[in-house]
Amino acid sequence: MSRTILVTGGAGFIGSHAAASFLEKGWRVGVVDDLSTGKKSNLPGGVDFYQADITDPGALEPVFEALKPQVVNHYAAQTSVRISTDDPARDLKVNVLGTLNLITLAARHGVRYFLFASTGGAIYGDGVKIPTPEEAACRPSSPYGVGKLGAEHYLEWAEQSLGLPSLRLRYANVYGPRQDPHGEAGVVAIFSRAMLEGGEPRINGDGLQTRDYVYVGDVVRANVAGVEKGLTGTFNVGTGVETDVNRLFGSLASLTGFDGPERHGPAMPGEQSRSCLDAGRLKRACGWEPSVSLEDGLARTVEWFRESDRAD
C-alpha cells in the first residue's frame, strides 16, 4: 500500500497527534482542516496542509487531486453532544454529510482504505453490559451518537457497494495534550485549565457518572496499528476501566495543587450514567492494548497545560 494518508481534522486534538505519528512512521501526510476549532500551531512540520471544509465537496476535490492519498483517516467532526441536541441539522451536515462527501471522493479517486474515528459511549447509550463489547445493541441518546452510527453504516455500504474497505474505531473518552479546555466534551482539559488558573471547576450532577478515559497516545497507536495491518470492521478503543468524575476531580486537584472546594452543578440533561468499553477484539486482532495508566496520562496532560500557560 502506498504510504500517503489524508488526515481530516488534522489541526485538532487527536488528528494532530495522528498526523505526527504517521509522519514518524515514514508516511507522506496531508491534512485537511477548516480551522474552525483546530489550530495551525498544532500541525507537525512536514505535512501538506489544505484549509477546506469537509461539507464542501468542491473544496475537497482539489485536495484529492493534489495529494492522491491511498488512505483517508477521518477525524473532522462536530464533537459536542449539546450542540447536536440544540442544532441536529448542523450535526447531520458535518458528521454525516461531511463523511459521505469524503467517502464519495475517496471512491472516485482510488483511495484504498478509510479509517473513521467513531464514538463508543454515545453510540451504545446506557443499559448495556459494562465494559461494553462491539456486539452490544446501539441505542444512541443524542443526535451526535445517531450521526456517528449513521456514518458507520455509510462506510459499511461503501465497503460492500464501492469496494472501499474501512476500519471504524469507537473511542472511549480520549484525553491528553492539546485537548480544547473551552469546549464541553473534554472534562480533563476543562478541569486542568480551570484548576491551574485558580478558577472554580464545576462537576455536573453528583459526579458519580463514570467514563473510560483513554490517553491520546494510546488511541493514536491503535490507529496506526490498524492502518498498517489493514484491519477492517468495527473495534472499540478503551481501557475497560471505569472512573467516576469525583475521583477524576480529586486526582487533578492533587496534580495541579488546587485546593478549592468540590463544586457541583445541575446534571446535564440526557447525560449517560456509565460508559466503559471492552477493547478485547482489537487486542486479539493486532495486539493493541493501552499502555498509559490514568495516573500517568493525567500527569502528562497537566504538565502540558502548565507549560502551555507559561508559553502564553
C-alpha atoms as a PDB file:
ATOM      1  CA  MET A   1       0.000   0.000   0.000  1.00  0.00           C
ATOM      2  CA  SER A   2       1.313   3.463  -0.924  1.00  0.00           C
ATOM      3  CA  ARG A   3       2.133   5.348   2.268  1.00  0.00           C
ATOM      4  CA  THR A   4       0.249   8.566   1.568  1.00  0.00           C
ATOM      5  CA  ILE A   5      -2.507   9.463   4.017  1.00  0.00           C
ATOM      6  CA  LEU A   6      -5.031  12.301   4.249  1.00  0.00           C
ATOM      7  CA  VAL A   7      -5.908  13.212   7.837  1.00  0.00           C
ATOM      8  CA  THR A   8      -9.082  15.264   8.172  1.00  0.00           C
ATOM      9  CA  GLY A   9      -9.284  17.462  11.252  1.00  0.00           C
ATOM     10  CA  GLY A  10      -5.507  17.136  11.495  1.00  0.00           C
ATOM     11  CA  ALA A  11      -5.073  20.537  13.167  1.00  0.00           C
ATOM     12  CA  GLY A  12      -7.282  19.413  16.036  1.00  0.00           C
ATOM     13  CA  PHE A  13      -6.690  17.405  19.179  1.00  0.00           C
ATOM     14  CA  ILE A  14      -6.489  13.741  18.152  1.00  0.00           C
ATOM     15  CA  GLY A  15      -5.903  14.432  14.461  1.00  0.00           C
ATOM     16  CA  SER A  16      -2.694  16.398  15.056  1.00  0.00           C
ATOM     17  CA  HIS A  17      -1.272  13.593  17.189  1.00  0.00           C
ATOM     18  CA  ALA A  18      -2.192  11.090  14.482  1.00  0.00           C
ATOM     19  CA  ALA A  19      -0.601  13.210  11.740  1.00  0.00           C
ATOM     20  CA  ALA A  20       2.643  13.420  13.731  1.00  0.00           C
ATOM     21  CA  SER A  21       2.664   9.679  14.379  1.00  0.00           C
ATOM     22  CA  PHE A  22       2.183   8.769  10.722  1.00  0.00           C
ATOM     23  CA  LEU A  23       4.977  11.195   9.781  1.00  0.00           C
ATOM     24  CA  GLU A  24       7.286   9.470  12.252  1.00  0.00           C
ATOM     25  CA  LYS A  25       6.405   6.157  10.607  1.00  0.00           C
ATOM     26  CA  GLY A  26       7.557   7.488   7.244  1.00  0.00           C
ATOM     27  CA  TRP A  27       4.207   8.302   5.688  1.00  0.00           C
ATOM     28  CA  ARG A  28       3.533  11.301   3.481  1.00  0.00           C
ATOM     29  CA  VAL A  29       0.783  13.141   5.349  1.00  0.00           C
ATOM     30  CA  GLY A  30      -1.772  15.627   4.074  1.00  0.00           C
ATOM     31  CA  VAL A  31      -4.063  17.450   6.488  1.00  0.00           C
ATOM     32  CA  VAL A  32      -7.481  18.945   5.784  1.00  0.00           C
ATOM     33  CA  ASP A  33      -8.900  21.281   8.412  1.00  0.00           C
ATOM     34  CA  ASP A  34     -11.198  24.294   8.219  1.00  0.00           C
ATOM     35  CA  LEU A  35      -9.577  25.736  11.393  1.00  0.00           C
ATOM     36  CA  SER A  36     -12.980  26.335  12.996  1.00  0.00           C
ATOM     37  CA  THR A  37     -11.661  24.593  16.115  1.00  0.00           C
ATOM     38  CA  GLY A  38      -8.259  23.296  15.035  1.00  0.00           C
ATOM     39  CA  LYS A  39      -5.099  25.399  15.238  1.00  0.00           C
ATOM     40  CA  LYS A  40      -2.240  25.735  12.781  1.00  0.00           C
ATOM     41  CA  SER A  41       0.117  25.628  15.751  1.00  0.00           C
ATOM     42  CA  ASN A  42      -0.935  22.000  16.313  1.00  0.00           C
ATOM     43  CA  LEU A  43       0.290  20.937  12.871  1.00  0.00           C
ATOM     44  CA  PRO A  44       3.544  18.971  12.848  1.00  0.00           C
ATOM     45  CA  GLY A  45       6.220  20.123  10.461  1.00  0.00           C
ATOM     46  CA  GLY A  46       6.310  18.233   7.188  1.00  0.00           C
ATOM     47  CA  VAL A  47       2.591  17.858   6.482  1.00  0.00           C
ATOM     48  CA  ASP A  48       0.872  19.165   3.363  1.00  0.00           C
ATOM     49  CA  PHE A  49      -1.846  21.433   4.744  1.00  0.00           C
ATOM     50  CA  TYR A  50      -5.119  22.238   2.974  1.00  0.00           C
ATOM     51  CA  GLN A  51      -7.654  24.566   4.554  1.00  0.00           C
ATOM     52  CA  ALA A  52     -11.037  23.232   3.490  1.00  0.00           C
ATOM     53  CA  ASP A  53     -14.451  22.349   4.860  1.00  0.00           C
ATOM     54  CA  ILE A  54     -15.496  18.697   4.584  1.00  0.00           C
ATOM     55  CA  THR A  55     -19.085  19.763   3.968  1.00  0.00           C
ATOM     56  CA  ASP A  56     -17.966  21.358   0.656  1.00  0.00           C
ATOM     57  CA  PRO A  57     -17.098  18.645  -1.882  1.00  0.00           C
ATOM     58  CA  GLY A  58     -15.939  21.305  -4.334  1.00  0.00           C
ATOM     59  CA  ALA A  59     -13.254  22.406  -1.886  1.00  0.00           C
ATOM     60  CA  LEU A  60     -12.203  18.822  -1.171  1.00  0.00           C
ATOM     61  CA  GLU A  61     -11.847  17.653  -4.775  1.00  0.00           C
ATOM     62  CA  PRO A  62      -8.584  19.574  -5.423  1.00  0.00           C
ATOM     63  CA  VAL A  63      -7.115  18.079  -2.254  1.00  0.00           C
ATOM     64  CA  PHE A  64      -7.629  14.542  -3.515  1.00  0.00           C
ATOM     65  CA  GLU A  65      -6.296  15.532  -6.939  1.00  0.00           C
ATOM     66  CA  ALA A  66      -3.137  17.081  -5.490  1.00  0.00           C
ATOM     67  CA  LEU A  67      -2.308  14.586  -2.724  1.00  0.00           C
ATOM     68  CA  LYS A  68      -3.559  11.355  -4.303  1.00  0.00           C
ATOM     69  CA  PRO A  69      -3.948   9.642  -0.923  1.00  0.00           C
ATOM     70  CA  GLN A  70      -4.227   5.901  -0.604  1.00  0.00           C
ATOM     71  CA  VAL A  71      -5.653   6.182   2.922  1.00  0.00           C
ATOM     72  CA  VAL A  72      -8.130   8.614   4.495  1.00  0.00           C
ATOM     73  CA  ASN A  73      -8.052   8.994   8.286  1.00  0.00           C
ATOM     74  CA  HIS A  74     -11.203  10.924   9.185  1.00  0.00           C
ATOM     75  CA  TYR A  75     -11.374  12.963  12.411  1.00  0.00           C
ATOM     76  CA  ALA A  76     -13.021  16.213  11.336  1.00  0.00           C
ATOM     77  CA  ALA A  77     -16.326  16.385  13.201  1.00  0.00           C
ATOM     78  CA  GLN A  78     -18.813  18.309  15.254  1.00  0.00           C
ATOM     79  CA  THR A  79     -17.994  16.827  18.677  1.00  0.00           C
ATOM     80  CA  SER A  80     -20.421  18.492  21.077  1.00  0.00           C
ATOM     81  CA  VAL A  81     -23.368  16.438  22.315  1.00  0.00           C
ATOM     82  CA  ARG A  82     -25.069  19.626  23.494  1.00  0.00           C
ATOM     83  CA  ILE A  83     -24.723  21.336  20.106  1.00  0.00           C
ATOM     84  CA  SER A  84     -26.016  18.203  18.388  1.00  0.00           C
ATOM     85  CA  THR A  85     -29.120  18.370  20.570  1.00  0.00           C
ATOM     86  CA  ASP A  86     -29.626  22.105  20.093  1.00  0.00           C
ATOM     87  CA  ASP A  87     -28.913  22.020  16.350  1.00  0.00           C
ATOM     88  CA  PRO A  88     -29.248  18.481  14.993  1.00  0.00           C
ATOM     89  CA  ALA A  89     -29.219  19.732  11.401  1.00  0.00           C
ATOM     90  CA  ARG A  90     -25.720  21.141  11.900  1.00  0.00           C
ATOM     91  CA  ASP A  91     -24.556  17.863  13.382  1.00  0.00           C
ATOM     92  CA  LEU A  92     -26.058  15.968  10.457  1.00  0.00           C
ATOM     93  CA  LYS A  93     -24.363  18.267   7.926  1.00  0.00           C
ATOM     94  CA  VAL A  94     -20.886  17.875   9.409  1.00  0.00           C
ATOM     95  CA  ASN A  95     -20.844  14.363  10.812  1.00  0.00           C
ATOM     96  CA  VAL A  96     -22.957  12.514   8.266  1.00  0.00           C
ATOM     97  CA  LEU A  97     -22.960  14.526   5.033  1.00  0.00           C
ATOM     98  CA  GLY A  98     -19.336  15.560   5.547  1.00  0.00           C
ATOM     99  CA  THR A  99     -18.356  11.924   5.962  1.00  0.00           C
ATOM    100  CA  LEU A 100     -20.389  10.940   2.915  1.00  0.00           C
ATOM    101  CA  ASN A 101     -18.562  13.605   0.869  1.00  0.00           C
ATOM    102  CA  LEU A 102     -15.251  12.060   1.855  1.00  0.00           C
ATOM    103  CA  ILE A 103     -16.471   8.524   1.093  1.00  0.00           C
ATOM    104  CA  THR A 104     -17.664   9.586  -2.353  1.00  0.00           C
ATOM    105  CA  LEU A 105     -14.421  11.372  -3.197  1.00  0.00           C
ATOM    106  CA  ALA A 106     -12.312   8.558  -1.781  1.00  0.00           C
ATOM    107  CA  ALA A 107     -14.050   6.022  -4.016  1.00  0.00           C
ATOM    108  CA  ARG A 108     -13.765   8.327  -7.040  1.00  0.00           C
ATOM    109  CA  HIS A 109     -10.050   8.937  -6.545  1.00  0.00           C
ATOM    110  CA  GLY A 110      -8.965   5.376  -5.896  1.00  0.00           C
ATOM    111  CA  VAL A 111      -8.429   5.552  -2.134  1.00  0.00           C
ATOM    112  CA  ARG A 112      -7.797   2.026  -0.922  1.00  0.00           C
ATOM    113  CA  TYR A 113      -8.611   2.316   2.792  1.00  0.00           C
ATOM    114  CA  PHE A 114     -10.719   4.522   5.086  1.00  0.00           C
ATOM    115  CA  LEU A 115     -10.195   4.894   8.844  1.00  0.00           C
ATOM    116  CA  PHE A 116     -13.066   6.510  10.732  1.00  0.00           C
ATOM    117  CA  ALA A 117     -12.942   7.979  14.232  1.00  0.00           C
ATOM    118  CA  SER A 118     -16.260   6.993  15.791  1.00  0.00           C
ATOM    119  CA  THR A 119     -17.526   7.056  19.375  1.00  0.00           C
ATOM    120  CA  GLY A 120     -18.139   4.376  21.956  1.00  0.00           C
ATOM    121  CA  GLY A 121     -20.337   5.695  24.735  1.00  0.00           C
ATOM    122  CA  ALA A 122     -22.512   7.938  22.570  1.00  0.00           C
ATOM    123  CA  ILE A 123     -23.324   5.044  20.230  1.00  0.00           C
ATOM    124  CA  TYR A 124     -24.086   2.372  22.831  1.00  0.00           C
ATOM    125  CA  GLY A 125     -26.019   4.504  25.311  1.00  0.00           C
ATOM    126  CA  ASP A 126     -26.983   3.382  28.808  1.00  0.00           C
ATOM    127  CA  GLY A 127     -28.252  -0.016  29.896  1.00  0.00           C
ATOM    128  CA  VAL A 128     -25.597  -2.126  28.173  1.00  0.00           C
ATOM    129  CA  LYS A 129     -23.044  -4.576  29.539  1.00  0.00           C
ATOM    130  CA  ILE A 130     -20.038  -2.887  31.186  1.00  0.00           C
ATOM    131  CA  PRO A 131     -17.363  -2.986  29.822  1.00  0.00           C
ATOM    132  CA  THR A 132     -19.289  -2.830  26.569  1.00  0.00           C
ATOM    133  CA  PRO A 133     -18.332  -5.085  23.634  1.00  0.00           C
ATOM    134  CA  GLU A 134     -18.927  -4.244  19.985  1.00  0.00           C
ATOM    135  CA  GLU A 135     -21.798  -6.745  19.835  1.00  0.00           C
ATOM    136  CA  ALA A 136     -23.907  -4.682  22.235  1.00  0.00           C
ATOM    137  CA  ALA A 137     -27.060  -3.048  20.907  1.00  0.00           C
ATOM    138  CA  CYS A 138     -26.563   0.535  19.766  1.00  0.00           C
ATOM    139  CA  ARG A 139     -29.071   2.909  21.374  1.00  0.00           C
ATOM    140  CA  PRO A 140     -27.639   6.417  20.926  1.00  0.00           C
ATOM    141  CA  SER A 141     -29.341   9.024  23.105  1.00  0.00           C
ATOM    142  CA  SER A 142     -28.167  12.119  21.214  1.00  0.00           C
ATOM    143  CA  PRO A 143     -28.047  13.295  17.587  1.00  0.00           C
ATOM    144  CA  TYR A 144     -24.255  13.137  17.905  1.00  0.00           C
ATOM    145  CA  GLY A 145     -24.391   9.392  18.592  1.00  0.00           C
ATOM    146  CA  VAL A 146     -27.026   8.887  15.889  1.00  0.00           C
ATOM    147  CA  GLY A 147     -24.833  10.709  13.364  1.00  0.00           C
ATOM    148  CA  LYS A 148     -21.703   8.741  14.167  1.00  0.00           C
ATOM    149  CA  LEU A 149     -23.619   5.476  13.889  1.00  0.00           C
ATOM    150  CA  GLY A 150     -25.118   6.640  10.594  1.00  0.00           C
ATOM    151  CA  ALA A 151     -21.653   7.439   9.246  1.00  0.00           C
ATOM    152  CA  GLU A 152     -20.531   3.928  10.221  1.00  0.00           C
ATOM    153  CA  HIS A 153     -23.415   2.479   8.238  1.00  0.00           C
ATOM    154  CA  TYR A 154     -22.468   4.560   5.176  1.00  0.00           C
ATOM    155  CA  LEU A 155     -18.953   3.138   5.434  1.00  0.00           C
ATOM    156  CA  GLU A 156     -20.329  -0.394   5.607  1.00  0.00           C
ATOM    157  CA  TRP A 157     -22.355   0.368   2.485  1.00  0.00           C
ATOM    158  CA  ALA A 158     -19.274   1.808   0.751  1.00  0.00           C
ATOM    159  CA  GLU A 159     -17.298  -1.328   1.537  1.00  0.00           C
ATOM    160  CA  GLN A 160     -19.968  -3.546   0.006  1.00  0.00           C
ATOM    161  CA  SER A 161     -21.005  -1.356  -2.930  1.00  0.00           C
ATOM    162  CA  LEU A 162     -17.989   0.801  -3.767  1.00  0.00           C
ATOM    163  CA  GLY A 163     -15.165  -1.536  -2.797  1.00  0.00           C
ATOM    164  CA  LEU A 164     -13.787   0.845  -0.158  1.00  0.00           C
ATOM    165  CA  PRO A 165     -12.540  -1.129   2.893  1.00  0.00           C
ATOM    166  CA  SER A 166     -12.867   0.683   6.200  1.00  0.00           C
ATOM    167  CA  LEU A 167     -11.883   0.491   9.834  1.00  0.00           C
ATOM    168  CA  ARG A 168     -14.334   2.045  12.312  1.00  0.00           C
ATOM    169  CA  LEU A 169     -12.763   2.761  15.706  1.00  0.00           C
ATOM    170  CA  ARG A 170     -15.161   3.536  18.537  1.00  0.00           C
ATOM    171  CA  TYR A 171     -13.251   5.644  21.038  1.00  0.00           C
ATOM    172  CA  ALA A 172     -13.825   5.881  24.750  1.00  0.00           C
ATOM    173  CA  ASN A 173     -13.223   9.311  26.389  1.00  0.00           C
ATOM    174  CA  VAL A 174      -9.950  10.465  24.862  1.00  0.00           C
ATOM    175  CA  TYR A 175      -7.836  12.964  26.815  1.00  0.00           C
ATOM    176  CA  GLY A 176      -4.334  14.391  26.675  1.00  0.00           C
ATOM    177  CA  PRO A 177      -2.235  17.331  25.483  1.00  0.00           C
ATOM    178  CA  ARG A 178      -3.820  19.780  23.011  1.00  0.00           C
ATOM    179  CA  GLN A 179      -7.383  18.993  24.029  1.00  0.00           C
ATOM    180  CA  ASP A 180      -9.585  22.094  23.959  1.00  0.00           C
ATOM    181  CA  PRO A 181     -10.340  23.319  27.508  1.00  0.00           C
ATOM    182  CA  HIS A 182     -13.028  25.688  26.242  1.00  0.00           C
ATOM    183  CA  GLY A 183     -15.452  23.092  24.888  1.00  0.00           C
ATOM    184  CA  GLU A 184     -17.802  20.844  26.819  1.00  0.00           C
ATOM    185  CA  ALA A 185     -16.534  17.416  25.815  1.00  0.00           C
ATOM    186  CA  GLY A 186     -13.092  17.259  27.413  1.00  0.00           C
ATOM    187  CA  VAL A 187     -13.584  17.230  31.177  1.00  0.00           C
ATOM    188  CA  VAL A 188      -9.881  16.513  31.829  1.00  0.00           C
ATOM    189  CA  ALA A 189      -8.860  19.580  29.823  1.00  0.00           C
ATOM    190  CA  ILE A 190     -11.610  21.732  31.338  1.00  0.00           C
ATOM    191  CA  PHE A 191     -10.720  20.818  34.914  1.00  0.00           C
ATOM    192  CA  SER A 192      -6.950  21.066  34.303  1.00  0.00           C
ATOM    193  CA  ARG A 193      -7.071  24.560  32.866  1.00  0.00           C
ATOM    194  CA  ALA A 194      -9.552  25.849  35.460  1.00  0.00           C
ATOM    195  CA  MET A 195      -7.550  24.431  38.368  1.00  0.00           C
ATOM    196  CA  LEU A 196      -4.241  25.808  37.105  1.00  0.00           C
ATOM    197  CA  GLU A 197      -5.794  29.240  36.637  1.00  0.00           C
ATOM    198  CA  GLY A 198      -7.408  29.261  40.092  1.00  0.00           C
ATOM    199  CA  GLY A 199     -10.905  29.024  38.671  1.00  0.00           C
ATOM    200  CA  GLU A 200     -13.930  27.208  40.014  1.00  0.00           C
ATOM    201  CA  PRO A 201     -14.371  23.963  38.070  1.00  0.00           C
ATOM    202  CA  ARG A 202     -17.844  22.510  38.391  1.00  0.00           C
ATOM    203  CA  ILE A 203     -18.924  18.893  38.421  1.00  0.00           C
ATOM    204  CA  ASN A 204     -22.188  18.195  36.630  1.00  0.00           C
ATOM    205  CA  GLY A 205     -24.651  16.402  38.898  1.00  0.00           C
ATOM    206  CA  ASP A 206     -23.482  14.115  41.694  1.00  0.00           C
ATOM    207  CA  GLY A 207     -20.209  13.230  39.927  1.00  0.00           C
ATOM    208  CA  LEU A 208     -20.858   9.507  40.161  1.00  0.00           C
ATOM    209  CA  GLN A 209     -21.220   9.148  36.393  1.00  0.00           C
ATOM    210  CA  THR A 210     -18.372   7.007  35.039  1.00  0.00           C
ATOM    211  CA  ARG A 211     -16.290   7.144  31.895  1.00  0.00           C
ATOM    212  CA  ASP A 212     -13.461   5.167  30.334  1.00  0.00           C
ATOM    213  CA  TYR A 213     -10.552   7.618  29.983  1.00  0.00           C
ATOM    214  CA  VAL A 214      -8.003   6.601  27.339  1.00  0.00           C
ATOM    215  CA  TYR A 215      -4.820   8.575  26.661  1.00  0.00           C
ATOM    216  CA  VAL A 216      -4.467  10.143  23.210  1.00  0.00           C
ATOM    217  CA  GLY A 217      -1.097   8.471  22.585  1.00  0.00           C
ATOM    218  CA  ASP A 218      -2.665   5.055  23.062  1.00  0.00           C
ATOM    219  CA  VAL A 219      -5.511   5.958  20.705  1.00  0.00           C
ATOM    220  CA  VAL A 220      -3.060   7.021  18.006  1.00  0.00           C
ATOM    221  CA  ARG A 221      -1.124   3.762  18.385  1.00  0.00           C
ATOM    222  CA  ALA A 222      -4.388   1.913  17.729  1.00  0.00           C
ATOM    223  CA  ASN A 223      -4.976   3.957  14.587  1.00  0.00           C
ATOM    224  CA  VAL A 224      -1.503   3.371  13.174  1.00  0.00           C
ATOM    225  CA  ALA A 225      -1.579  -0.339  14.010  1.00  0.00           C
ATOM    226  CA  GLY A 226      -4.993  -0.713  12.388  1.00  0.00           C
ATOM    227  CA  VAL A 227      -3.937   1.028   9.187  1.00  0.00           C
ATOM    228  CA  GLU A 228      -0.598  -0.734   8.855  1.00  0.00           C
ATOM    229  CA  LYS A 229      -2.224  -4.136   9.412  1.00  0.00           C
ATOM    230  CA  GLY A 230      -5.143  -3.293   7.109  1.00  0.00           C
ATOM    231  CA  LEU A 231      -7.788  -4.165   9.693  1.00  0.00           C
ATOM    232  CA  THR A 232     -11.398  -3.756   8.644  1.00  0.00           C
ATOM    233  CA  GLY A 233     -14.578  -3.716  10.692  1.00  0.00           C
ATOM    234  CA  THR A 234     -15.646  -2.088  13.960  1.00  0.00           C
ATOM    235  CA  PHE A 235     -13.438  -2.049  17.053  1.00  0.00           C
ATOM    236  CA  ASN A 236     -13.602  -0.375  20.458  1.00  0.00           C
ATOM    237  CA  VAL A 237     -10.625   1.629  21.729  1.00  0.00           C
ATOM    238  CA  GLY A 238     -10.660   1.964  25.505  1.00  0.00           C
ATOM    239  CA  THR A 239      -9.135   0.788  28.767  1.00  0.00           C
ATOM    240  CA  GLY A 240     -12.027  -1.224  30.187  1.00  0.00           C
ATOM    241  CA  VAL A 241     -11.725   0.748  33.441  1.00  0.00           C
ATOM    242  CA  GLU A 242     -14.496   2.967  34.830  1.00  0.00           C
ATOM    243  CA  THR A 243     -13.595   6.197  36.631  1.00  0.00           C
ATOM    244  CA  ASP A 244     -16.189   8.496  38.141  1.00  0.00           C
ATOM    245  CA  VAL A 245     -15.941  12.258  37.786  1.00  0.00           C
ATOM    246  CA  ASN A 246     -15.452  12.851  41.509  1.00  0.00           C
ATOM    247  CA  ARG A 247     -12.344  10.668  41.524  1.00  0.00           C
ATOM    248  CA  LEU A 248     -11.072  12.400  38.380  1.00  0.00           C
ATOM    249  CA  PHE A 249     -11.586  15.775  40.051  1.00  0.00           C
ATOM    250  CA  GLY A 250      -9.606  14.648  43.097  1.00  0.00           C
ATOM    251  CA  SER A 251      -6.720  13.302  41.012  1.00  0.00           C
ATOM    252  CA  LEU A 252      -6.442  16.502  39.008  1.00  0.00           C
ATOM    253  CA  ALA A 253      -6.701  18.667  42.140  1.00  0.00           C
ATOM    254  CA  SER A 254      -3.733  16.796  43.593  1.00  0.00           C
ATOM    255  CA  LEU A 255      -1.675  17.141  40.400  1.00  0.00           C
ATOM    256  CA  THR A 256      -2.398  20.861  39.960  1.00  0.00           C
ATOM    257  CA  GLY A 257      -2.215  21.845  43.619  1.00  0.00           C
ATOM    258  CA  PHE A 258      -5.823  23.029  43.518  1.00  0.00           C
ATOM    259  CA  ASP A 259      -7.284  23.461  46.995  1.00  0.00           C
ATOM    260  CA  GLY A 260     -10.691  24.865  46.140  1.00  0.00           C
ATOM    261  CA  PRO A 261     -13.969  23.186  47.027  1.00  0.00           C
ATOM    262  CA  GLU A 262     -15.579  20.408  45.041  1.00  0.00           C
ATOM    263  CA  ARG A 263     -18.486  22.295  43.483  1.00  0.00           C
ATOM    264  CA  HIS A 264     -21.454  20.521  41.924  1.00  0.00           C
ATOM    265  CA  GLY A 265     -23.972  21.936  39.487  1.00  0.00           C
ATOM    266  CA  PRO A 266     -27.086  20.601  37.779  1.00  0.00           C
ATOM    267  CA  ALA A 267     -26.805  17.338  35.923  1.00  0.00           C
ATOM    268  CA  MET A 268     -26.520  17.596  32.147  1.00  0.00           C
ATOM    269  CA  PRO A 269     -29.824  16.595  30.506  1.00  0.00           C
ATOM    270  CA  GLY A 270     -29.549  13.174  28.915  1.00  0.00           C
ATOM    271  CA  GLU A 271     -26.033  12.500  30.207  1.00  0.00           C
ATOM    272  CA  GLN A 272     -25.132   8.814  30.380  1.00  0.00           C
ATOM    273  CA  SER A 273     -24.601   7.353  33.815  1.00  0.00           C
ATOM    274  CA  ARG A 274     -21.944   4.808  32.808  1.00  0.00           C
ATOM    275  CA  SER A 275     -19.656   4.304  29.829  1.00  0.00           C
ATOM    276  CA  CYS A 276     -16.754   1.864  29.569  1.00  0.00           C
ATOM    277  CA  LEU A 277     -15.507  -0.113  26.567  1.00  0.00           C
ATOM    278  CA  ASP A 278     -14.234  -3.649  26.092  1.00  0.00           C
ATOM    279  CA  ALA A 279     -11.312  -3.451  23.628  1.00  0.00           C
ATOM    280  CA  GLY A 280     -10.570  -7.179  23.611  1.00  0.00           C
ATOM    281  CA  ARG A 281     -11.415  -7.529  19.920  1.00  0.00           C
ATOM    282  CA  LEU A 282      -8.729  -5.018  18.953  1.00  0.00           C
ATOM    283  CA  LYS A 283      -6.136  -6.727  21.147  1.00  0.00           C
ATOM    284  CA  ARG A 284      -6.888 -10.071  19.518  1.00  0.00           C
ATOM    285  CA  ALA A 285      -6.697  -8.536  16.035  1.00  0.00           C
ATOM    286  CA  CYS A 286      -3.440  -6.602  16.301  1.00  0.00           C
ATOM    287  CA  GLY A 287      -2.074  -6.900  19.825  1.00  0.00           C
ATOM    288  CA  TRP A 288      -3.087  -3.381  20.863  1.00  0.00           C
ATOM    289  CA  GLU A 289      -3.764  -2.564  24.477  1.00  0.00           C
ATOM    290  CA  PRO A 290      -3.464   0.695  26.429  1.00  0.00           C
ATOM    291  CA  SER A 291      -0.021   1.379  27.872  1.00  0.00           C
ATOM    292  CA  VAL A 292      -0.523   4.686  29.710  1.00  0.00           C
ATOM    293  CA  SER A 293      -2.230   4.499  33.098  1.00  0.00           C
ATOM    294  CA  LEU A 294      -4.764   7.144  34.048  1.00  0.00           C
ATOM    295  CA  GLU A 295      -2.391   8.500  36.699  1.00  0.00           C
ATOM    296  CA  ASP A 296       0.488   8.885  34.227  1.00  0.00           C
ATOM    297  CA  GLY A 297      -1.747  10.260  31.497  1.00  0.00           C
ATOM    298  CA  LEU A 298      -3.268  12.886  33.780  1.00  0.00           C
ATOM    299  CA  ALA A 299       0.204  13.913  34.956  1.00  0.00           C
ATOM    300  CA  ARG A 300       1.382  14.330  31.349  1.00  0.00           C
ATOM    301  CA  THR A 301      -1.728  16.314  30.482  1.00  0.00           C
ATOM    302  CA  VAL A 302      -1.467  18.661  33.455  1.00  0.00           C
ATOM    303  CA  GLU A 303       2.210  19.285  32.703  1.00  0.00           C
ATOM    304  CA  TRP A 304       1.354  20.157  29.103  1.00  0.00           C
ATOM    305  CA  PHE A 305      -1.267  22.668  30.239  1.00  0.00           C
ATOM    306  CA  ARG A 306       1.178  24.082  32.768  1.00  0.00           C
ATOM    307  CA  GLU A 307       3.846  24.556  30.095  1.00  0.00           C
ATOM    308  CA  SER A 308       1.266  25.940  27.661  1.00  0.00           C
ATOM    309  CA  ASP A 309       0.249  28.562  30.222  1.00  0.00           C
ATOM    310  CA  ARG A 310       3.903  29.561  30.684  1.00  0.00           C
ATOM    311  CA  ALA A 311       4.361  29.905  26.924  1.00  0.00           C
ATOM    312  CA  ASP A 312       1.330  32.176  26.718  1.00  0.00           C
END
